[in-house]
Amino acid sequence: MQAAHPANTPHPDQAARAASSAPLSPRQAAILVTWGVLLWFAVALFIRWAPPALFGRGVATALLFAAAAPIAWASIWATQRVASLRPGQLVAGAALASAAAMFCDGIALTWSSLYGSGTDLVPAAAWLLWGVAAILTAAFAIAHRHGV
């Protein structure tokens, strides 16, 4: 059983959480935006050069969607190291990198032919959105596991 704390004194767990969830530094923010753009570009090139059957709504597409989970965990692991993120910064860091990637994706889908064209683009775009959701979910789960 834990001892009671005066009303104006934060519980030790709250103090530890506050310390571990410090805001992102300008350096971290710049790294995360750059990282998000680089990861997006790598995925965009993968979509561009992947065989059309990979995004054909069949078994290959289902496997690609399933692969998003371990890829997301690996992405968060790499993001944490590249930007020197503490557990309390994972969700904010993943959100910032994801936002940068989504901005690029919106521009590319609207004003470029990076991905190609036509209705074959829909499953690929859906997979990319699924991947972003998987990354954000992984960041939340990892942070939660660390008590944040």
Protein backbone atom coordinates (compact mmCIF):
# COMPACT_ATOMS: atom_id res chain seq x y z
CA MET A 1 0.00 0.00 0.00
CA GLN A 2 1.29 3.44 -0.89
CA ALA A 3 1.43 6.31 1.56
CA ALA A 4 -0.99 9.17 1.06
CA HIS A 5 0.38 12.39 -0.40
CA PRO A 6 -0.73 15.92 0.45
CA ALA A 7 -3.22 17.37 -2.03
CA ASN A 8 -0.73 19.75 -3.72
CA THR A 9 2.15 17.26 -3.91
CA PRO A 10 2.29 15.17 -7.09
CA HIS A 11 2.42 11.42 -6.66
CA PRO A 12 5.93 10.06 -7.43
CA ASP A 13 4.56 8.19 -10.47
CA GLN A 14 3.14 11.45 -11.85
CA ALA A 15 6.44 13.24 -11.39
CA ALA A 16 8.28 10.43 -13.21
CA ARG A 17 5.76 10.51 -16.05
CA ALA A 18 6.06 14.28 -16.39
CA ALA A 19 9.84 14.03 -16.55
CA SER A 20 9.75 11.29 -19.18
CA SER A 21 7.26 13.12 -21.41
CA ALA A 22 9.27 16.28 -21.98
CA PRO A 23 8.41 18.17 -25.16
CA LEU A 24 10.40 17.47 -28.29
CA SER A 25 13.45 19.67 -28.73
CA PRO A 26 13.80 21.67 -31.95
CA ARG A 27 16.59 19.28 -32.97
CA GLN A 28 14.39 16.24 -32.36
CA ALA A 29 11.53 17.86 -34.28
CA ALA A 30 13.78 18.55 -37.27
CA ILE A 31 15.10 14.98 -37.20
CA LEU A 32 11.57 13.58 -36.99
CA VAL A 33 10.25 15.66 -39.90
CA THR A 34 13.23 14.62 -42.02
CA TRP A 35 12.86 11.00 -40.92
CA GLY A 36 9.15 11.01 -41.76
CA VAL A 37 9.82 12.37 -45.24
CA LEU A 38 12.61 9.83 -45.85
CA LEU A 39 10.48 6.89 -44.69
CA TRP A 40 7.55 8.12 -46.79
CA PHE A 41 9.79 8.40 -49.87
CA ALA A 42 11.12 4.86 -49.36
CA VAL A 43 7.56 3.52 -49.07
CA ALA A 44 6.44 5.60 -52.07
CA LEU A 45 9.22 4.09 -54.19
CA PHE A 46 8.27 0.62 -52.97
CA ILE A 47 4.67 1.26 -54.08
CA ARG A 48 5.84 2.65 -57.40
CA TRP A 49 8.11 -0.30 -58.21
CA ALA A 50 6.06 -3.12 -56.64
CA PRO A 51 4.44 -5.59 -58.99
CA PRO A 52 0.81 -4.58 -59.69
CA ALA A 53 -0.45 -7.90 -58.28
CA LEU A 54 0.90 -6.92 -54.86
CA PHE A 55 -1.84 -4.29 -54.57
CA GLY A 56 -4.54 -6.26 -56.35
CA ARG A 57 -6.85 -6.89 -53.37
CA GLY A 58 -5.85 -10.58 -53.20
CA VAL A 59 -3.79 -12.71 -50.84
CA ALA A 60 -0.60 -10.75 -51.56
CA THR A 61 -2.32 -7.53 -50.52
CA ALA A 62 -3.64 -9.15 -47.33
CA LEU A 63 -0.11 -10.33 -46.49
CA LEU A 64 1.22 -6.84 -47.12
CA PHE A 65 -1.37 -5.39 -44.73
CA ALA A 66 -0.41 -8.02 -42.13
CA ALA A 67 3.27 -7.15 -42.56
CA ALA A 68 2.50 -3.58 -41.54
CA ALA A 69 2.46 -4.54 -37.84
CA PRO A 70 6.07 -5.76 -37.52
CA ILE A 71 7.21 -3.02 -39.89
CA ALA A 72 5.51 -0.46 -37.64
CA TRP A 73 7.26 -1.80 -34.53
CA ALA A 74 10.61 -1.72 -36.33
CA SER A 75 9.88 1.83 -37.53
CA ILE A 76 9.19 3.00 -33.98
CA TRP A 77 12.35 1.30 -32.73
CA ALA A 78 14.40 3.06 -35.43
CA THR A 79 12.61 6.38 -34.90
CA GLN A 80 13.29 6.25 -31.18
CA ARG A 81 17.00 5.78 -31.81
CA VAL A 82 17.38 8.24 -34.69
CA ALA A 83 15.69 11.07 -32.74
CA SER A 84 16.88 10.04 -29.24
CA LEU A 85 13.31 9.84 -27.97
CA ARG A 86 12.42 8.92 -24.41
CA PRO A 87 9.37 6.70 -23.90
CA GLY A 88 7.23 9.73 -23.06
CA GLN A 89 8.13 11.31 -26.40
CA LEU A 90 7.31 8.30 -28.61
CA VAL A 91 3.72 9.21 -29.42
CA ALA A 92 4.51 12.86 -30.16
CA GLY A 93 7.57 11.86 -32.20
CA ALA A 94 5.67 9.25 -34.21
CA ALA A 95 2.83 11.71 -34.77
CA LEU A 96 5.19 14.42 -36.05
CA ALA A 97 7.06 12.06 -38.39
CA SER A 98 3.73 10.62 -39.59
CA ALA A 99 2.31 14.09 -40.21
CA ALA A 100 5.31 15.00 -42.35
CA ALA A 101 4.85 11.76 -44.30
CA MET A 102 1.11 12.32 -44.75
CA PHE A 103 1.68 15.86 -46.04
CA CYS A 104 4.07 14.44 -48.63
CA ASP A 105 1.62 11.69 -49.50
CA GLY A 106 -1.25 14.12 -50.02
CA ILE A 107 0.87 16.22 -52.35
CA ALA A 108 2.15 13.18 -54.26
CA LEU A 109 -1.30 11.65 -54.67
CA THR A 110 -2.75 14.92 -55.90
CA TRP A 111 -0.05 16.56 -58.00
CA SER A 112 2.45 13.91 -59.08
CA SER A 113 2.62 10.58 -60.80
CA LEU A 114 5.09 9.12 -58.30
CA TYR A 115 2.76 6.22 -57.53
CA GLY A 116 1.46 5.79 -61.05
CA SER A 117 -2.18 6.40 -61.85
CA GLY A 118 -5.57 4.78 -62.11
CA THR A 119 -7.75 2.78 -59.76
CA ASP A 120 -4.88 0.39 -58.98
CA LEU A 121 -3.62 3.18 -56.77
CA VAL A 122 -6.47 2.81 -54.25
CA PRO A 123 -5.20 -0.34 -52.45
CA ALA A 124 -1.68 1.07 -52.35
CA ALA A 125 -2.90 4.34 -50.83
CA ALA A 126 -5.01 2.36 -48.35
CA TRP A 127 -1.97 0.28 -47.39
CA LEU A 128 0.05 3.43 -46.76
CA LEU A 129 -2.71 4.83 -44.51
CA TRP A 130 -2.92 1.47 -42.72
CA GLY A 131 0.83 1.62 -42.15
CA VAL A 132 0.63 5.08 -40.60
CA ALA A 133 -2.13 3.88 -38.28
CA ALA A 134 -0.01 0.84 -37.36
CA ILE A 135 2.97 3.09 -36.59
CA LEU A 136 0.91 5.37 -34.35
CA THR A 137 -0.65 2.37 -32.60
CA ALA A 138 2.79 0.83 -32.05
CA ALA A 139 4.10 4.10 -30.59
CA PHE A 140 1.16 4.29 -28.21
CA ALA A 141 1.53 0.64 -27.17
CA ILE A 142 5.27 0.93 -26.56
CA ALA A 143 4.84 4.16 -24.57
CA HIS A 144 2.03 2.56 -22.56
CA ARG A 145 4.25 -0.46 -21.84
CA HIS A 146 6.78 2.00 -20.37
CA GLY A 147 4.08 3.48 -18.13
CA VAL A 148 3.54 6.65 -20.10
